[in-house]
Amino acid sequence: MNEALTPRQTLQRRAIRTVLQEAEGPLTPQEILQRAGRELASLGLATVYRNLNSMQSAGEVHAVHLPGEPARFERVPEKHQHHFRCDSCETVYALDEPCPVQSLQGATLPGGFRVADHSLTFYGTCPDCASAHA
């Protein structure tokens, strides 16, 4: 199906959007460039960053920050989710499991702290790496 492109729906943005839709988790801009570049060789890293910033401002994507690593980006999920990072291949996966700490949202903790948001990332070995090392 050949959809018409509007000024905001460039070939570059469509390629980036497709990569993010097909990803199992958040990707770095370099990973997005590598995957989208397979279909659109003219895509550059500056264009990826520019589109990610625009898509983030429009509420289409959000950044996932892991300690000591560059920001990764994913489509805004329908519900709150957590992530798993494989220590072996360094892939980050989005988890669909129910949030174990969501009950803290809006709660007042001792000392008057009020929880507004949280993130949770599990670290370990993904199934592919675990079977490769078995």
C-alpha atoms as a PDB file:
ATOM      1  CA  MET A   1       0.000   0.000   0.000  1.00  0.00           C
ATOM      2  CA  ASN A   2       1.483   3.350  -1.030  1.00  0.00           C
ATOM      3  CA  GLU A   3       0.329   6.019   1.412  1.00  0.00           C
ATOM      4  CA  ALA A   4       0.621   9.699   0.598  1.00  0.00           C
ATOM      5  CA  LEU A   5       3.360  11.539   2.471  1.00  0.00           C
ATOM      6  CA  THR A   6       2.571  14.753   4.284  1.00  0.00           C
ATOM      7  CA  PRO A   7       5.300  17.225   5.278  1.00  0.00           C
ATOM      8  CA  ARG A   8       5.425  15.576   8.718  1.00  0.00           C
ATOM      9  CA  GLN A   9       5.376  12.051   7.230  1.00  0.00           C
ATOM     10  CA  THR A  10       8.700  12.022   5.376  1.00  0.00           C
ATOM     11  CA  LEU A  11      10.329   8.878   4.088  1.00  0.00           C
ATOM     12  CA  GLN A  12      12.892   9.212   6.881  1.00  0.00           C
ATOM     13  CA  ARG A  13      10.270   9.509   9.615  1.00  0.00           C
ATOM     14  CA  ARG A  14       8.327   6.586   8.193  1.00  0.00           C
ATOM     15  CA  ALA A  15      11.486   4.431   8.183  1.00  0.00           C
ATOM     16  CA  ILE A  16      12.248   5.400  11.799  1.00  0.00           C
ATOM     17  CA  ARG A  17       8.661   4.779  12.861  1.00  0.00           C
ATOM     18  CA  THR A  18       8.692   1.334  11.200  1.00  0.00           C
ATOM     19  CA  VAL A  19      11.929   0.379  12.973  1.00  0.00           C
ATOM     20  CA  LEU A  20      10.487   1.434  16.344  1.00  0.00           C
ATOM     21  CA  GLN A  21       7.237  -0.462  15.704  1.00  0.00           C
ATOM     22  CA  GLU A  22       9.131  -3.662  14.888  1.00  0.00           C
ATOM     23  CA  ALA A  23      11.628  -3.415  17.768  1.00  0.00           C
ATOM     24  CA  GLU A  24      11.260  -5.598  20.866  1.00  0.00           C
ATOM     25  CA  GLY A  25      12.423  -2.736  23.047  1.00  0.00           C
ATOM     26  CA  PRO A  26      13.983   0.709  23.039  1.00  0.00           C
ATOM     27  CA  LEU A  27      16.818   1.412  20.591  1.00  0.00           C
ATOM     28  CA  THR A  28      19.699   3.866  20.541  1.00  0.00           C
ATOM     29  CA  PRO A  29      19.737   6.376  17.681  1.00  0.00           C
ATOM     30  CA  GLN A  30      22.677   4.436  16.207  1.00  0.00           C
ATOM     31  CA  GLU A  31      20.659   1.189  16.276  1.00  0.00           C
ATOM     32  CA  ILE A  32      17.734   2.987  14.628  1.00  0.00           C
ATOM     33  CA  LEU A  33      20.062   4.337  11.920  1.00  0.00           C
ATOM     34  CA  GLN A  34      21.530   0.885  11.302  1.00  0.00           C
ATOM     35  CA  ARG A  35      18.112  -0.775  10.933  1.00  0.00           C
ATOM     36  CA  ALA A  36      16.374   2.015   9.013  1.00  0.00           C
ATOM     37  CA  GLY A  37      19.421   2.487   6.811  1.00  0.00           C
ATOM     38  CA  ARG A  38      18.846  -0.966   5.333  1.00  0.00           C
ATOM     39  CA  GLU A  39      15.728   0.405   3.629  1.00  0.00           C
ATOM     40  CA  LEU A  40      16.777   4.045   3.261  1.00  0.00           C
ATOM     41  CA  ALA A  41      20.515   4.283   2.590  1.00  0.00           C
ATOM     42  CA  SER A  42      20.470   8.095   2.499  1.00  0.00           C
ATOM     43  CA  LEU A  43      19.405   8.324   6.149  1.00  0.00           C
ATOM     44  CA  GLY A  44      21.953  10.019   8.412  1.00  0.00           C
ATOM     45  CA  LEU A  45      22.426  10.136  12.175  1.00  0.00           C
ATOM     46  CA  ALA A  46      21.578  13.855  12.389  1.00  0.00           C
ATOM     47  CA  THR A  47      18.274  13.146  10.621  1.00  0.00           C
ATOM     48  CA  VAL A  48      17.521  10.323  13.070  1.00  0.00           C
ATOM     49  CA  TYR A  49      18.146  12.648  16.037  1.00  0.00           C
ATOM     50  CA  ARG A  50      16.086  15.453  14.481  1.00  0.00           C
ATOM     51  CA  ASN A  51      13.153  13.114  13.832  1.00  0.00           C
ATOM     52  CA  LEU A  52      13.367  11.523  17.282  1.00  0.00           C
ATOM     53  CA  ASN A  53      13.283  14.976  18.894  1.00  0.00           C
ATOM     54  CA  SER A  54      10.263  15.955  16.802  1.00  0.00           C
ATOM     55  CA  MET A  55       8.501  12.646  17.470  1.00  0.00           C
ATOM     56  CA  GLN A  56       9.233  13.003  21.195  1.00  0.00           C
ATOM     57  CA  SER A  57       7.743  16.519  21.214  1.00  0.00           C
ATOM     58  CA  ALA A  58       4.656  15.135  19.452  1.00  0.00           C
ATOM     59  CA  GLY A  59       4.281  12.401  22.092  1.00  0.00           C
ATOM     60  CA  GLU A  60       4.964   9.536  19.655  1.00  0.00           C
ATOM     61  CA  VAL A  61       8.184   8.298  21.282  1.00  0.00           C
ATOM     62  CA  HIS A  62       9.882   8.648  24.608  1.00  0.00           C
ATOM     63  CA  ALA A  63      13.410   8.220  25.885  1.00  0.00           C
ATOM     64  CA  VAL A  64      14.448   5.333  28.102  1.00  0.00           C
ATOM     65  CA  HIS A  65      17.448   6.144  30.279  1.00  0.00           C
ATOM     66  CA  LEU A  66      19.640   3.384  31.673  1.00  0.00           C
ATOM     67  CA  PRO A  67      22.541   4.280  34.000  1.00  0.00           C
ATOM     68  CA  GLY A  68      25.793   4.906  32.135  1.00  0.00           C
ATOM     69  CA  GLU A  69      24.284   4.410  28.680  1.00  0.00           C
ATOM     70  CA  PRO A  70      23.041   6.717  25.926  1.00  0.00           C
ATOM     71  CA  ALA A  71      19.297   7.334  25.747  1.00  0.00           C
ATOM     72  CA  ARG A  72      17.247   4.763  23.894  1.00  0.00           C
ATOM     73  CA  PHE A  73      13.920   5.483  22.244  1.00  0.00           C
ATOM     74  CA  GLU A  74      10.692   3.540  21.894  1.00  0.00           C
ATOM     75  CA  ARG A  75       7.130   4.191  20.837  1.00  0.00           C
ATOM     76  CA  VAL A  76       5.050   5.477  23.725  1.00  0.00           C
ATOM     77  CA  PRO A  77       3.473   2.307  25.129  1.00  0.00           C
ATOM     78  CA  GLU A  78      -0.246   2.042  25.803  1.00  0.00           C
ATOM     79  CA  LYS A  79       0.507   1.199  29.429  1.00  0.00           C
ATOM     80  CA  HIS A  80       3.431   1.676  31.788  1.00  0.00           C
ATOM     81  CA  GLN A  81       6.165  -0.865  31.200  1.00  0.00           C
ATOM     82  CA  HIS A  82       9.555  -1.919  32.471  1.00  0.00           C
ATOM     83  CA  HIS A  83      12.632  -3.185  30.675  1.00  0.00           C
ATOM     84  CA  PHE A  84      15.161  -6.010  30.686  1.00  0.00           C
ATOM     85  CA  ARG A  85      18.781  -5.484  29.555  1.00  0.00           C
ATOM     86  CA  CYS A  86      20.845  -8.483  28.554  1.00  0.00           C
ATOM     87  CA  ASP A  87      24.334  -8.259  30.051  1.00  0.00           C
ATOM     88  CA  SER A  88      25.730 -10.384  27.223  1.00  0.00           C
ATOM     89  CA  CYS A  89      24.348  -8.859  23.982  1.00  0.00           C
ATOM     90  CA  GLU A  90      23.305  -5.517  25.574  1.00  0.00           C
ATOM     91  CA  THR A  91      19.859  -5.672  23.946  1.00  0.00           C
ATOM     92  CA  VAL A  92      17.088  -3.943  25.892  1.00  0.00           C
ATOM     93  CA  TYR A  93      13.640  -5.543  25.809  1.00  0.00           C
ATOM     94  CA  ALA A  94      10.283  -4.046  26.793  1.00  0.00           C
ATOM     95  CA  LEU A  95       8.428  -6.237  29.295  1.00  0.00           C
ATOM     96  CA  ASP A  96       4.659  -6.701  29.196  1.00  0.00           C
ATOM     97  CA  GLU A  97       4.377  -7.939  32.769  1.00  0.00           C
ATOM     98  CA  PRO A  98       2.153  -5.988  35.189  1.00  0.00           C
ATOM     99  CA  CYS A  99       3.980  -3.279  37.104  1.00  0.00           C
ATOM    100  CA  PRO A 100       4.981  -4.556  40.568  1.00  0.00           C
ATOM    101  CA  VAL A 101       5.406  -1.040  42.003  1.00  0.00           C
ATOM    102  CA  GLN A 102       2.518   0.802  40.365  1.00  0.00           C
ATOM    103  CA  SER A 103       0.750   0.907  43.719  1.00  0.00           C
ATOM    104  CA  LEU A 104       3.308   3.537  44.773  1.00  0.00           C
ATOM    105  CA  GLN A 105       2.154   6.014  42.094  1.00  0.00           C
ATOM    106  CA  GLY A 106       0.742   9.014  43.938  1.00  0.00           C
ATOM    107  CA  ALA A 107       1.542   7.498  47.331  1.00  0.00           C
ATOM    108  CA  THR A 108       3.130   9.578  50.033  1.00  0.00           C
ATOM    109  CA  LEU A 109       6.196   7.870  51.469  1.00  0.00           C
ATOM    110  CA  PRO A 110       7.666   8.477  54.931  1.00  0.00           C
ATOM    111  CA  GLY A 111       9.253  11.900  55.212  1.00  0.00           C
ATOM    112  CA  GLY A 112       6.714  13.457  52.846  1.00  0.00           C
ATOM    113  CA  PHE A 113       8.166  12.105  49.590  1.00  0.00           C
ATOM    114  CA  ARG A 114       5.508  11.800  46.888  1.00  0.00           C
ATOM    115  CA  VAL A 115       6.011   9.290  44.043  1.00  0.00           C
ATOM    116  CA  ALA A 116       5.258  10.826  40.639  1.00  0.00           C
ATOM    117  CA  ASP A 117       6.933   8.292  38.364  1.00  0.00           C
ATOM    118  CA  HIS A 118       9.377   5.419  38.349  1.00  0.00           C
ATOM    119  CA  SER A 119      11.362   3.178  36.055  1.00  0.00           C
ATOM    120  CA  LEU A 120      12.533  -0.350  36.623  1.00  0.00           C
ATOM    121  CA  THR A 121      15.102  -2.235  34.580  1.00  0.00           C
ATOM    122  CA  PHE A 122      16.029  -5.859  35.154  1.00  0.00           C
ATOM    123  CA  TYR A 123      19.516  -7.055  34.193  1.00  0.00           C
ATOM    124  CA  GLY A 124      20.534 -10.592  33.276  1.00  0.00           C
ATOM    125  CA  THR A 125      20.759 -12.854  30.243  1.00  0.00           C
ATOM    126  CA  CYS A 126      18.219 -13.061  27.415  1.00  0.00           C
ATOM    127  CA  PRO A 127      17.041 -16.493  26.155  1.00  0.00           C
ATOM    128  CA  ASP A 128      19.170 -16.329  22.986  1.00  0.00           C
ATOM    129  CA  CYS A 129      22.387 -15.605  24.905  1.00  0.00           C
ATOM    130  CA  ALA A 130      21.544 -18.153  27.608  1.00  0.00           C
ATOM    131  CA  SER A 131      21.093 -20.937  25.019  1.00  0.00           C
ATOM    132  CA  ALA A 132      24.262 -19.885  23.162  1.00  0.00           C
ATOM    133  CA  HIS A 133      26.293 -20.299  26.360  1.00  0.00           C
ATOM    134  CA  ALA A 134      24.661 -23.580  27.439  1.00  0.00           C
END
